PDB file of N, CA and C in Angstrom:
ATOM      1  N   UNK A   1     106.042 126.563 136.519  1.00  0.00           N
ATOM      2  CA  UNK A   1     107.303 126.111 135.979  1.00  0.00           C
ATOM      3  C   UNK A   1     107.332 126.429 134.481  1.00  0.00           C
ATOM      4  N   UNK A   2     108.232 127.291 134.074  1.00  0.00           N
ATOM      5  CA  UNK A   2     108.364 127.658 132.683  1.00  0.00           C
ATOM      6  C   UNK A   2     109.298 126.689 131.956  1.00  0.00           C
ATOM      7  N   UNK A   3     109.071 126.602 130.674  1.00  0.00           N
ATOM      8  CA  UNK A   3     109.917 125.695 129.897  1.00  0.00           C
ATOM      9  C   UNK A   3     109.570 125.757 128.430  1.00  0.00           C
ATOM     10  N   UNK A   4     110.316 125.012 127.692  1.00  0.00           N
ATOM     11  CA  UNK A   4     110.126 124.957 126.267  1.00  0.00           C
ATOM     12  C   UNK A   4     109.464 123.667 125.858  1.00  0.00           C
ATOM     13  N   UNK A   5     108.429 123.258 126.565  1.00  0.00           N
ATOM     14  CA  UNK A   5     107.768 121.983 126.311  1.00  0.00           C
ATOM     15  C   UNK A   5     106.768 122.144 125.214  1.00  0.00           C
ATOM     16  N   UNK A   6     106.900 121.355 124.161  1.00  0.00           N
ATOM     17  CA  UNK A   6     105.922 121.369 123.082  1.00  0.00           C
ATOM     18  C   UNK A   6     104.875 120.307 123.371  1.00  0.00           C
ATOM     19  N   UNK A   7     103.640 120.658 123.103  1.00  0.00           N
ATOM     20  CA  UNK A   7     102.515 119.753 123.297  1.00  0.00           C
ATOM     21  C   UNK A   7     101.957 119.390 121.910  1.00  0.00           C
ATOM     22  N   UNK A   8     101.305 118.233 121.844  1.00  0.00           N
ATOM     23  CA  UNK A   8     100.757 117.811 120.557  1.00  0.00           C
ATOM     24  C   UNK A   8      99.767 118.812 119.993  1.00  0.00           C
ATOM     25  N   UNK A   9      99.909 119.030 118.702  1.00  0.00           N
ATOM     26  CA  UNK A   9      99.003 119.982 117.997  1.00  0.00           C
ATOM     27  C   UNK A   9      98.630 119.418 116.655  1.00  0.00           C
ATOM     28  N   UNK A  10      99.589 119.441 115.748  1.00  0.00           N
ATOM     29  CA  UNK A  10      99.337 118.941 114.374  1.00  0.00           C
ATOM     30  C   UNK A  10      99.394 117.413 114.338  1.00  0.00           C
ATOM     31  N   UNK A  11      98.642 116.855 113.397  1.00  0.00           N
ATOM     32  CA  UNK A  11      98.576 115.394 113.245  1.00  0.00           C
ATOM     33  C   UNK A  11      98.779 115.052 111.757  1.00  0.00           C
ATOM     34  N   UNK A  12      99.481 113.979 111.518  1.00  0.00           N
ATOM     35  CA  UNK A  12      99.757 113.520 110.181  1.00  0.00           C
ATOM     36  C   UNK A  12      99.204 112.087 110.060  1.00  0.00           C
ATOM     37  N   UNK A  13      98.340 111.855 109.064  1.00  0.00           N
ATOM     38  CA  UNK A  13      97.756 110.521 108.884  1.00  0.00           C
ATOM     39  C   UNK A  13      98.345 109.939 107.631  1.00  0.00           C
ATOM     40  N   UNK A  14      98.881 108.724 107.752  1.00  0.00           N
ATOM     41  CA  UNK A  14      99.421 107.984 106.616  1.00  0.00           C
ATOM     42  C   UNK A  14      98.724 106.659 106.449  1.00  0.00           C
ATOM     43  N   UNK A  15      98.492 106.291 105.184  1.00  0.00           N
ATOM     44  CA  UNK A  15      97.818 105.049 104.854  1.00  0.00           C
ATOM     45  C   UNK A  15      98.735 104.229 103.976  1.00  0.00           C
ATOM     46  N   UNK A  16      99.174 103.060 104.432  1.00  0.00           N
ATOM     47  CA  UNK A  16     100.118 102.219 103.719  1.00  0.00           C
ATOM     48  C   UNK A  16     101.345 102.991 103.255  1.00  0.00           C
ATOM     49  N   UNK A  17     101.874 103.856 104.115  1.00  0.00           N
ATOM     50  CA  UNK A  17     103.106 104.578 103.825  1.00  0.00           C
ATOM     51  C   UNK A  17     102.924 105.882 103.062  1.00  0.00           C
ATOM     52  N   UNK A  18     101.728 106.173 102.610  1.00  0.00           N
ATOM     53  CA  UNK A  18     101.458 107.442 101.900  1.00  0.00           C
ATOM     54  C   UNK A  18     100.716 108.405 102.764  1.00  0.00           C
ATOM     55  N   UNK A  19     101.275 109.573 102.933  1.00  0.00           N
ATOM     56  CA  UNK A  19     100.645 110.571 103.812  1.00  0.00           C
ATOM     57  C   UNK A  19      99.420 111.155 103.123  1.00  0.00           C
ATOM     58  N   UNK A  20      98.313 111.158 103.855  1.00  0.00           N
ATOM     59  CA  UNK A  20      97.088 111.737 103.348  1.00  0.00           C
ATOM     60  C   UNK A  20      97.133 113.276 103.525  1.00  0.00           C
ATOM     61  N   UNK A  21      96.401 113.983 102.705  1.00  0.00           N
ATOM     62  CA  UNK A  21      96.325 115.443 102.838  1.00  0.00           C
ATOM     63  C   UNK A  21      95.210 115.758 103.862  1.00  0.00           C
ATOM     64  N   UNK A  22      95.443 115.359 105.097  1.00  0.00           N
ATOM     65  CA  UNK A  22      94.407 115.521 106.157  1.00  0.00           C
ATOM     66  C   UNK A  22      94.414 116.931 106.689  1.00  0.00           C
ATOM     67  N   UNK A  23      93.160 117.369 106.970  1.00  0.00           N
ATOM     68  CA  UNK A  23      93.002 118.679 107.570  1.00  0.00           C
ATOM     69  C   UNK A  23      93.149 118.602 109.090  1.00  0.00           C
ATOM     70  N   UNK A  24      93.222 119.721 109.710  1.00  0.00           N
ATOM     71  CA  UNK A  24      93.240 119.806 111.158  1.00  0.00           C
ATOM     72  C   UNK A  24      91.979 119.178 111.728  1.00  0.00           C
ATOM     73  N   UNK A  25      92.118 118.518 112.846  1.00  0.00           N
ATOM     74  CA  UNK A  25      90.932 117.943 113.520  1.00  0.00           C
ATOM     75  C   UNK A  25      90.806 116.444 113.410  1.00  0.00           C
ATOM     76  N   UNK A  26      91.843 115.737 112.862  1.00  0.00           N
ATOM     77  CA  UNK A  26      91.776 114.274 112.781  1.00  0.00           C
ATOM     78  C   UNK A  26      91.650 113.727 114.197  1.00  0.00           C
ATOM     79  N   UNK A  27      90.877 112.641 114.336  1.00  0.00           N
ATOM     80  CA  UNK A  27      90.628 112.043 115.668  1.00  0.00           C
ATOM     81  C   UNK A  27      91.060 110.613 115.708  1.00  0.00           C
ATOM     82  N   UNK A  28      91.651 110.241 116.836  1.00  0.00           N
ATOM     83  CA  UNK A  28      92.059 108.878 117.115  1.00  0.00           C
ATOM     84  C   UNK A  28      91.359 108.401 118.370  1.00  0.00           C
ATOM     85  N   UNK A  29      90.709 107.230 118.286  1.00  0.00           N
ATOM     86  CA  UNK A  29      90.180 106.530 119.476  1.00  0.00           C
ATOM     87  C   UNK A  29      90.968 105.253 119.537  1.00  0.00           C
ATOM     88  N   UNK A  30      91.765 105.078 120.604  1.00  0.00           N
ATOM     89  CA  UNK A  30      92.681 103.917 120.663  1.00  0.00           C
ATOM     90  C   UNK A  30      91.938 102.598 120.952  1.00  0.00           C
ATOM     91  N   UNK A  31      90.662 102.669 121.180  1.00  0.00           N
ATOM     92  CA  UNK A  31      89.877 101.430 121.453  1.00  0.00           C
ATOM     93  C   UNK A  31      90.216 100.864 122.832  1.00  0.00           C
ATOM     94  N   UNK A  32      89.627  99.747 123.120  1.00  0.00           N
ATOM     95  CA  UNK A  32      89.841  99.124 124.431  1.00  0.00           C
ATOM     96  C   UNK A  32      88.502  98.669 124.988  1.00  0.00           C
ATOM     97  N   UNK A  33      88.323  99.040 126.257  1.00  0.00           N
ATOM     98  CA  UNK A  33      87.124  98.645 126.980  1.00  0.00           C
ATOM     99  C   UNK A  33      86.296  99.853 127.333  1.00  0.00           C
ATOM    100  N   UNK A  34      84.994  99.771 127.082  1.00  0.00           N
ATOM    101  CA  UNK A  34      84.062 100.830 127.497  1.00  0.00           C
ATOM    102  C   UNK A  34      83.271 100.274 128.676  1.00  0.00           C
ATOM    103  N   UNK A  35      83.205 101.077 129.750  1.00  0.00           N
ATOM    104  CA  UNK A  35      82.509 100.651 130.964  1.00  0.00           C
ATOM    105  C   UNK A  35      81.247 101.482 131.154  1.00  0.00           C
ATOM    106  N   UNK A  36      80.170 100.807 131.513  1.00  0.00           N
ATOM    107  CA  UNK A  36      78.891 101.466 131.744  1.00  0.00           C
ATOM    108  C   UNK A  36      78.443 101.176 133.183  1.00  0.00           C
ATOM    109  N   UNK A  37      78.097 102.199 133.894  1.00  0.00           N
ATOM    110  CA  UNK A  37      77.656 102.046 135.260  1.00  0.00           C
ATOM    111  C   UNK A  37      76.360 101.230 135.339  1.00  0.00           C
ATOM    112  N   UNK A  38      76.250 100.350 136.315  1.00  0.00           N
ATOM    113  CA  UNK A  38      75.025  99.649 136.602  1.00  0.00           C
ATOM    114  C   UNK A  38      74.423 100.294 137.841  1.00  0.00           C
ATOM    115  N   UNK A  39      73.258 100.928 137.583  1.00  0.00           N
ATOM    116  CA  UNK A  39      72.613 101.700 138.664  1.00  0.00           C
ATOM    117  C   UNK A  39      71.313 101.114 139.068  1.00  0.00           C
ATOM    118  N   UNK A  40      71.006 101.217 140.353  1.00  0.00           N
ATOM    119  CA  UNK A  40      69.707 100.835 140.932  1.00  0.00           C
ATOM    120  C   UNK A  40      69.219 102.006 141.774  1.00  0.00           C
ATOM    121  N   UNK A  41      68.059 101.834 142.380  1.00  0.00           N
ATOM    122  CA  UNK A  41      67.569 102.889 143.266  1.00  0.00           C
ATOM    123  C   UNK A  41      68.444 103.051 144.490  1.00  0.00           C
ATOM    124  N   UNK A  42      69.237 102.027 144.843  1.00  0.00           N
ATOM    125  CA  UNK A  42      70.150 102.098 145.980  1.00  0.00           C
ATOM    126  C   UNK A  42      71.478 102.781 145.606  1.00  0.00           C
ATOM    127  N   UNK A  43      71.717 102.985 144.337  1.00  0.00           N
ATOM    128  CA  UNK A  43      73.001 103.585 143.926  1.00  0.00           C
ATOM    129  C   UNK A  43      73.703 102.756 142.871  1.00  0.00           C
ATOM    130  N   UNK A  44      74.905 103.102 142.590  1.00  0.00           N
ATOM    131  CA  UNK A  44      75.699 102.382 141.598  1.00  0.00           C
ATOM    132  C   UNK A  44      76.261 101.104 142.185  1.00  0.00           C
ATOM    133  N   UNK A  45      75.987  99.983 141.475  1.00  0.00           N
ATOM    134  CA  UNK A  45      76.458  98.675 141.995  1.00  0.00           C
ATOM    135  C   UNK A  45      77.811  98.287 141.429  1.00  0.00           C
ATOM    136  N   UNK A  46      78.115  98.812 140.297  1.00  0.00           N
ATOM    137  CA  UNK A  46      79.352  98.441 139.615  1.00  0.00           C
ATOM    138  C   UNK A  46      79.257  98.844 138.145  1.00  0.00           C
ATOM    139  N   UNK A  47      79.775  98.023 137.252  1.00  0.00           N
ATOM    140  CA  UNK A  47      79.765  98.339 135.834  1.00  0.00           C
ATOM    141  C   UNK A  47      79.778  97.087 134.979  1.00  0.00           C
ATOM    142  N   UNK A  48      79.406  97.280 133.688  1.00  0.00           N
ATOM    143  CA  UNK A  48      79.545  96.243 132.704  1.00  0.00           C
ATOM    144  C   UNK A  48      80.617  96.736 131.694  1.00  0.00           C
ATOM    145  N   UNK A  49      81.167  95.786 130.957  1.00  0.00           N
ATOM    146  CA  UNK A  49      82.199  96.152 129.982  1.00  0.00           C
ATOM    147  C   UNK A  49      81.800  95.634 128.604  1.00  0.00           C
ATOM    148  N   UNK A  50      82.240  96.395 127.594  1.00  0.00           N
ATOM    149  CA  UNK A  50      82.138  95.915 126.224  1.00  0.00           C
ATOM    150  C   UNK A  50      83.328  96.472 125.459  1.00  0.00           C
ATOM    151  N   UNK A  51      83.746  95.744 124.462  1.00  0.00           N
ATOM    152  CA  UNK A  51      84.895  96.093 123.630  1.00  0.00           C
ATOM    153  C   UNK A  51      84.564  97.227 122.698  1.00  0.00           C
ATOM    154  N   UNK A  52      85.485  98.193 122.588  1.00  0.00           N
ATOM    155  CA  UNK A  52      85.351  99.283 121.605  1.00  0.00           C
ATOM    156  C   UNK A  52      86.517  99.169 120.641  1.00  0.00           C
ATOM    157  N   UNK A  53      86.242  99.261 119.368  1.00  0.00           N
ATOM    158  CA  UNK A  53      87.221  99.144 118.311  1.00  0.00           C
ATOM    159  C   UNK A  53      87.986 100.456 118.169  1.00  0.00           C
ATOM    160  N   UNK A  54      89.291 100.359 117.888  1.00  0.00           N
ATOM    161  CA  UNK A  54      90.106 101.564 117.620  1.00  0.00           C
ATOM    162  C   UNK A  54      89.642 102.172 116.297  1.00  0.00           C
ATOM    163  N   UNK A  55      89.566 103.511 116.279  1.00  0.00           N
ATOM    164  CA  UNK A  55      89.104 104.209 115.081  1.00  0.00           C
ATOM    165  C   UNK A  55      89.949 105.457 114.811  1.00  0.00           C
ATOM    166  N   UNK A  56      89.958 105.872 113.551  1.00  0.00           N
ATOM    167  CA  UNK A  56      90.545 107.147 113.125  1.00  0.00           C
ATOM    168  C   UNK A  56      89.517 107.794 112.206  1.00  0.00           C
ATOM    169  N   UNK A  57      89.279 109.090 112.438  1.00  0.00           N
ATOM    170  CA  UNK A  57      88.402 109.865 111.548  1.00  0.00           C
ATOM    171  C   UNK A  57      89.212 111.037 111.086  1.00  0.00           C
ATOM    172  N   UNK A  58      89.154 111.337 109.792  1.00  0.00           N
ATOM    173  CA  UNK A  58      89.849 112.474 109.282  1.00  0.00           C
ATOM    174  C   UNK A  58      89.134 113.025 108.042  1.00  0.00           C
ATOM    175  N   UNK A  59      89.455 114.248 107.696  1.00  0.00           N
ATOM    176  CA  UNK A  59      88.974 114.891 106.502  1.00  0.00           C
ATOM    177  C   UNK A  59      90.182 115.185 105.648  1.00  0.00           C
ATOM    178  N   UNK A  60      90.138 114.761 104.362  1.00  0.00           N
ATOM    179  CA  UNK A  60      91.244 115.021 103.476  1.00  0.00           C
ATOM    180  C   UNK A  60      90.770 115.935 102.335  1.00  0.00           C
ATOM    181  N   UNK A  61      91.703 116.583 101.716  1.00  0.00           N
ATOM    182  CA  UNK A  61      91.444 117.485 100.596  1.00  0.00           C
ATOM    183  C   UNK A  61      91.411 116.700  99.317  1.00  0.00           C
ATOM    184  N   UNK A  62      90.390 116.909  98.522  1.00  0.00           N
ATOM    185  CA  UNK A  62      90.189 116.242  97.218  1.00  0.00           C
ATOM    186  C   UNK A  62      91.133 116.885  96.203  1.00  0.00           C
ATOM    187  N   UNK A  63      91.934 116.062  95.497  1.00  0.00           N
ATOM    188  CA  UNK A  63      92.822 116.527  94.440  1.00  0.00           C
ATOM    189  C   UNK A  63      92.601 115.622  93.259  1.00  0.00           C
ATOM    190  N   UNK A  64      93.257 115.933  92.138  1.00  0.00           N
ATOM    191  CA  UNK A  64      93.087 115.118  90.911  1.00  0.00           C
ATOM    192  C   UNK A  64      93.492 113.643  91.147  1.00  0.00           C
ATOM    193  N   UNK A  65      94.483 113.441  92.006  1.00  0.00           N
ATOM    194  CA  UNK A  65      94.968 112.040  92.239  1.00  0.00           C
ATOM    195  C   UNK A  65      94.244 111.332  93.378  1.00  0.00           C
ATOM    196  N   UNK A  66      93.235 111.950  93.960  1.00  0.00           N
ATOM    197  CA  UNK A  66      92.442 111.310  95.030  1.00  0.00           C
ATOM    198  C   UNK A  66      91.478 110.337  94.401  1.00  0.00           C
ATOM    199  N   UNK A  67      91.619 109.050  94.741  1.00  0.00           N
ATOM    200  CA  UNK A  67      90.776 108.018  94.201  1.00  0.00           C
ATOM    201  C   UNK A  67      89.791 107.559  95.276  1.00  0.00           C
ATOM    202  N   UNK A  68      88.579 108.061  95.202  1.00  0.00           N
ATOM    203  CA  UNK A  68      87.579 107.770  96.226  1.00  0.00           C
ATOM    204  C   UNK A  68      87.217 106.291  96.226  1.00  0.00           C
ATOM    205  N   UNK A  69      87.174 105.645  95.057  1.00  0.00           N
ATOM    206  CA  UNK A  69      86.839 104.230  95.000  1.00  0.00           C
ATOM    207  C   UNK A  69      87.952 103.414  95.682  1.00  0.00           C
ATOM    208  N   UNK A  70      89.207 103.739  95.392  1.00  0.00           N
ATOM    209  CA  UNK A  70      90.324 102.992  96.039  1.00  0.00           C
ATOM    210  C   UNK A  70      90.299 103.221  97.544  1.00  0.00           C
ATOM    211  N   UNK A  71      90.031 104.433  98.028  1.00  0.00           N
ATOM    212  CA  UNK A  71      89.948 104.686  99.456  1.00  0.00           C
ATOM    213  C   UNK A  71      88.812 103.864 100.049  1.00  0.00           C
ATOM    214  N   UNK A  72      87.681 103.815  99.359  1.00  0.00           N
ATOM    215  CA  UNK A  72      86.533 103.065  99.864  1.00  0.00           C
ATOM    216  C   UNK A  72      86.751 101.571  99.916  1.00  0.00           C
ATOM    217  N   UNK A  73      87.716 101.072  99.133  1.00  0.00           N
ATOM    218  CA  UNK A  73      88.007  99.641  99.131  1.00  0.00           C
ATOM    219  C   UNK A  73      89.156  99.274 100.063  1.00  0.00           C
ATOM    220  N   UNK A  74      89.580 100.186 100.898  1.00  0.00           N
ATOM    221  CA  UNK A  74      90.697  99.945 101.801  1.00  0.00           C
ATOM    222  C   UNK A  74      90.369  98.869 102.871  1.00  0.00           C
ATOM    223  N   UNK A  75      91.188  97.808 102.854  1.00  0.00           N
ATOM    224  CA  UNK A  75      91.121  96.757 103.859  1.00  0.00           C
ATOM    225  C   UNK A  75      92.560  96.298 104.109  1.00  0.00           C
ATOM    226  N   UNK A  76      92.796  95.644 105.238  1.00  0.00           N
ATOM    227  CA  UNK A  76      94.133  95.115 105.582  1.00  0.00           C
ATOM    228  C   UNK A  76      95.239  96.130 105.428  1.00  0.00           C
ATOM    229  N   UNK A  77      94.963  97.354 105.806  1.00  0.00           N
ATOM    230  CA  UNK A  77      95.920  98.476 105.640  1.00  0.00           C
ATOM    231  C   UNK A  77      96.629  98.756 106.966  1.00  0.00           C
ATOM    232  N   UNK A  78      97.716  99.511 106.834  1.00  0.00           N
ATOM    233  CA  UNK A  78      98.411 100.032 107.994  1.00  0.00           C
ATOM    234  C   UNK A  78      98.212 101.557 108.016  1.00  0.00           C
ATOM    235  N   UNK A  79      97.573 102.024 109.046  1.00  0.00           N
ATOM    236  CA  UNK A  79      97.274 103.453 109.209  1.00  0.00           C
ATOM    237  C   UNK A  79      98.095 104.010 110.356  1.00  0.00           C
ATOM    238  N   UNK A  80      98.859 105.052 110.098  1.00  0.00           N
ATOM    239  CA  UNK A  80      99.689 105.693 111.123  1.00  0.00           C
ATOM    240  C   UNK A  80      99.115 107.047 111.442  1.00  0.00           C
ATOM    241  N   UNK A  81      98.912 107.325 112.718  1.00  0.00           N
ATOM    242  CA  UNK A  81      98.426 108.579 113.244  1.00  0.00           C
ATOM    243  C   UNK A  81      99.595 109.171 114.022  1.00  0.00           C
ATOM    244  N   UNK A  82     100.259 110.155 113.444  1.00  0.00           N
ATOM    245  CA  UNK A  82     101.482 110.695 114.044  1.00  0.00           C
ATOM    246  C   UNK A  82     101.299 112.168 114.438  1.00  0.00           C
ATOM    247  N   UNK A  83     101.760 112.478 115.606  1.00  0.00           N
ATOM    248  CA  UNK A  83     101.656 113.862 116.099  1.00  0.00           C
ATOM    249  C   UNK A  83     102.963 114.624 115.804  1.00  0.00           C
ATOM    250  N   UNK A  84     102.886 115.939 115.913  1.00  0.00           N
ATOM    251  CA  UNK A  84     104.039 116.780 115.658  1.00  0.00           C
ATOM    252  C   UNK A  84     105.073 116.719 116.750  1.00  0.00           C
ATOM    253  N   UNK A  85     104.825 115.979 117.826  1.00  0.00           N
ATOM    254  CA  UNK A  85     105.845 115.840 118.871  1.00  0.00           C
ATOM    255  C   UNK A  85     106.496 114.447 118.825  1.00  0.00           C
ATOM    256  N   UNK A  86     106.216 113.724 117.759  1.00  0.00           N
ATOM    257  CA  UNK A  86     106.862 112.411 117.568  1.00  0.00           C
ATOM    258  C   UNK A  86     106.129 111.247 118.176  1.00  0.00           C
ATOM    259  N   UNK A  87     105.015 111.450 118.798  1.00  0.00           N
ATOM    260  CA  UNK A  87     104.227 110.342 119.337  1.00  0.00           C
ATOM    261  C   UNK A  87     103.325 109.835 118.233  1.00  0.00           C
ATOM    262  N   UNK A  88     103.331 108.542 117.994  1.00  0.00           N
ATOM    263  CA  UNK A  88     102.578 107.976 116.888  1.00  0.00           C
ATOM    264  C   UNK A  88     101.899 106.688 117.328  1.00  0.00           C
ATOM    265  N   UNK A  89     100.748 106.439 116.701  1.00  0.00           N
ATOM    266  CA  UNK A  89      99.974 105.217 116.914  1.00  0.00           C
ATOM    267  C   UNK A  89      99.721 104.584 115.568  1.00  0.00           C
ATOM    268  N   UNK A  90      99.669 103.281 115.541  1.00  0.00           N
ATOM    269  CA  UNK A  90      99.377 102.574 114.288  1.00  0.00           C
ATOM    270  C   UNK A  90      98.144 101.681 114.468  1.00  0.00           C
ATOM    271  N   UNK A  91      97.216 101.791 113.494  1.00  0.00           N
ATOM    272  CA  UNK A  91      96.056 100.924 113.464  1.00  0.00           C
ATOM    273  C   UNK A  91      96.452  99.748 112.566  1.00  0.00           C
ATOM    274  N   UNK A  92      96.459  98.549 113.115  1.00  0.00           N
ATOM    275  CA  UNK A  92      96.805  97.342 112.374  1.00  0.00           C
ATOM    276  C   UNK A  92      95.571  96.806 111.651  1.00  0.00           C
ATOM    277  N   UNK A  93      95.760  96.215 110.501  1.00  0.00           N
ATOM    278  CA  UNK A  93      94.646  95.630 109.728  1.00  0.00           C
ATOM    279  C   UNK A  93      93.500  96.622 109.551  1.00  0.00           C
ATOM    280  N   UNK A  94      93.849  97.868 109.265  1.00  0.00           N
ATOM    281  CA  UNK A  94      92.852  98.952 109.148  1.00  0.00           C
ATOM    282  C   UNK A  94      91.962  98.754 107.924  1.00  0.00           C
ATOM    283  N   UNK A  95      90.739  99.220 108.032  1.00  0.00           N
ATOM    284  CA  UNK A  95      89.754  99.179 106.957  1.00  0.00           C
ATOM    285  C   UNK A  95      88.838 100.396 107.046  1.00  0.00           C
ATOM    286  N   UNK A  96      88.330 100.816 105.911  1.00  0.00           N
ATOM    287  CA  UNK A  96      87.359 101.902 105.849  1.00  0.00           C
ATOM    288  C   UNK A  96      85.994 101.380 106.330  1.00  0.00           C
ATOM    289  N   UNK A  97      85.366 102.120 107.225  1.00  0.00           N
ATOM    290  CA  UNK A  97      84.089 101.665 107.788  1.00  0.00           C
ATOM    291  C   UNK A  97      82.887 102.169 107.019  1.00  0.00           C
ATOM    292  N   UNK A  98      83.025 103.271 106.284  1.00  0.00           N
ATOM    293  CA  UNK A  98      81.953 103.847 105.508  1.00  0.00           C
ATOM    294  C   UNK A  98      82.526 104.331 104.168  1.00  0.00           C
ATOM    295  N   UNK A  99      81.722 104.330 103.123  1.00  0.00           N
ATOM    296  CA  UNK A  99      82.228 104.848 101.848  1.00  0.00           C
ATOM    297  C   UNK A  99      82.684 106.321 102.046  1.00  0.00           C
ATOM    298  N   UNK A 100      83.756 106.733 101.402  1.00  0.00           N
ATOM    299  CA  UNK A 100      84.205 108.132 101.515  1.00  0.00           C
ATOM    300  C   UNK A 100      83.100 109.036 101.078  1.00  0.00           C
ATOM    301  N   UNK A 101      82.980 110.176 101.757  1.00  0.00           N
ATOM    302  CA  UNK A 101      81.945 111.152 101.454  1.00  0.00           C
ATOM    303  C   UNK A 101      82.573 112.457 101.038  1.00  0.00           C
ATOM    304  N   UNK A 102      82.336 112.851  99.774  1.00  0.00           N
ATOM    305  CA  UNK A 102      82.898 114.076  99.194  1.00  0.00           C
ATOM    306  C   UNK A 102      81.882 115.211  99.388  1.00  0.00           C
ATOM    307  N   UNK A 103      82.375 116.334  99.844  1.00  0.00           N
ATOM    308  CA  UNK A 103      81.540 117.554  99.955  1.00  0.00           C
ATOM    309  C   UNK A 103      81.953 118.534  98.883  1.00  0.00           C
ATOM    310  N   UNK A 104      81.084 118.735  97.910  1.00  0.00           N
ATOM    311  CA  UNK A 104      81.373 119.700  96.843  1.00  0.00           C
ATOM    312  C   UNK A 104      81.415 121.122  97.369  1.00  0.00           C
ATOM    313  N   UNK A 105      82.173 121.946  96.685  1.00  0.00           N
ATOM    314  CA  UNK A 105      82.301 123.336  97.091  1.00  0.00           C
ATOM    315  C   UNK A 105      83.368 123.557  98.133  1.00  0.00           C
ATOM    316  N   UNK A 106      83.616 122.523  98.957  1.00  0.00           N
ATOM    317  CA  UNK A 106      84.644 122.610  99.994  1.00  0.00           C
ATOM    318  C   UNK A 106      85.867 121.779  99.635  1.00  0.00           C
ATOM    319  N   UNK A 107      85.678 120.813  98.680  1.00  0.00           N
ATOM    320  CA  UNK A 107      86.785 119.978  98.276  1.00  0.00           C
ATOM    321  C   UNK A 107      87.280 119.046  99.334  1.00  0.00           C
ATOM    322  N   UNK A 108      86.375 118.622 100.216  1.00  0.00           N
ATOM    323  CA  UNK A 108      86.750 117.751 101.328  1.00  0.00           C
ATOM    324  C   UNK A 108      86.144 116.368 101.233  1.00  0.00           C
ATOM    325  N   UNK A 109      86.852 115.386 101.718  1.00  0.00           N
ATOM    326  CA  UNK A 109      86.405 114.023 101.755  1.00  0.00           C
ATOM    327  C   UNK A 109      86.517 113.509 103.218  1.00  0.00           C
ATOM    328  N   UNK A 110      85.400 113.012 103.747  1.00  0.00           N
ATOM    329  CA  UNK A 110      85.380 112.486 105.101  1.00  0.00           C
ATOM    330  C   UNK A 110      85.745 110.976 105.044  1.00  0.00           C
ATOM    331  N   UNK A 111      86.671 110.593 105.926  1.00  0.00           N
ATOM    332  CA  UNK A 111      87.125 109.217 105.980  1.00  0.00           C
ATOM    333  C   UNK A 111      87.031 108.685 107.390  1.00  0.00           C
ATOM    334  N   UNK A 112      86.570 107.422 107.519  1.00  0.00           N
ATOM    335  CA  UNK A 112      86.459 106.778 108.826  1.00  0.00           C
ATOM    336  C   UNK A 112      87.107 105.375 108.714  1.00  0.00           C
ATOM    337  N   UNK A 113      88.045 105.104 109.584  1.00  0.00           N
ATOM    338  CA  UNK A 113      88.741 103.841 109.584  1.00  0.00           C
ATOM    339  C   UNK A 113      88.606 103.133 110.946  1.00  0.00           C
ATOM    340  N   UNK A 114      88.669 101.812 110.943  1.00  0.00           N
ATOM    341  CA  UNK A 114      88.790 101.012 112.138  1.00  0.00           C
ATOM    342  C   UNK A 114      89.933 100.039 111.906  1.00  0.00           C
ATOM    343  N   UNK A 115      90.411  99.420 112.985  1.00  0.00           N
ATOM    344  CA  UNK A 115      91.449  98.452 112.876  1.00  0.00           C
ATOM    345  C   UNK A 115      91.300  97.378 113.925  1.00  0.00           C
ATOM    346  N   UNK A 116      92.055  96.302 113.763  1.00  0.00           N
ATOM    347  CA  UNK A 116      91.921  95.223 114.749  1.00  0.00           C
ATOM    348  C   UNK A 116      92.603  95.542 116.063  1.00  0.00           C
ATOM    349  N   UNK A 117      93.579  96.456 116.011  1.00  0.00           N
ATOM    350  CA  UNK A 117      94.212  96.878 117.295  1.00  0.00           C
ATOM    351  C   UNK A 117      94.987  98.202 117.024  1.00  0.00           C
ATOM    352  N   UNK A 118      95.229  98.913 118.091  1.00  0.00           N
ATOM    353  CA  UNK A 118      95.967 100.153 118.022  1.00  0.00           C
ATOM    354  C   UNK A 118      97.200 100.037 118.934  1.00  0.00           C
ATOM    355  N   UNK A 119      98.363 100.413 118.416  1.00  0.00           N
ATOM    356  CA  UNK A 119      99.601 100.320 119.198  1.00  0.00           C
ATOM    357  C   UNK A 119     100.363 101.625 119.118  1.00  0.00           C
ATOM    358  N   UNK A 120     100.957 102.010 120.215  1.00  0.00           N
ATOM    359  CA  UNK A 120     101.843 103.157 120.187  1.00  0.00           C
ATOM    360  C   UNK A 120     103.180 102.704 119.641  1.00  0.00           C
ATOM    361  N   UNK A 121     103.745 103.471 118.737  1.00  0.00           N
ATOM    362  CA  UNK A 121     105.038 103.115 118.116  1.00  0.00           C
ATOM    363  C   UNK A 121     106.090 104.168 118.398  1.00  0.00           C
TER     364      UNK A 121
END
């Protein structure tokens, strides 16, 4: 079936309403429940569950106005992960999980965020 259907490709990451200069490859994990198989010599009996936190990982380009300290202090933020097809998710009460890491020579900063919940908007 032929058509003009666009699929998600590019991603735009915004933090408290300001779009980050994120590179291609940003990742969203919507969180929820992770299930692990319970296995015995007789086979799989079922599974156990544990909660997984919603996360966003991205790499941004370092510029003169990039404040690594401010990024590292991010708490209680609203993070929006928006695709080029209009599908977007928001991490509520987002916070940085690790200090930003700058890679010299490449001008890149690695950022990792978590939030209390993820919602499609």
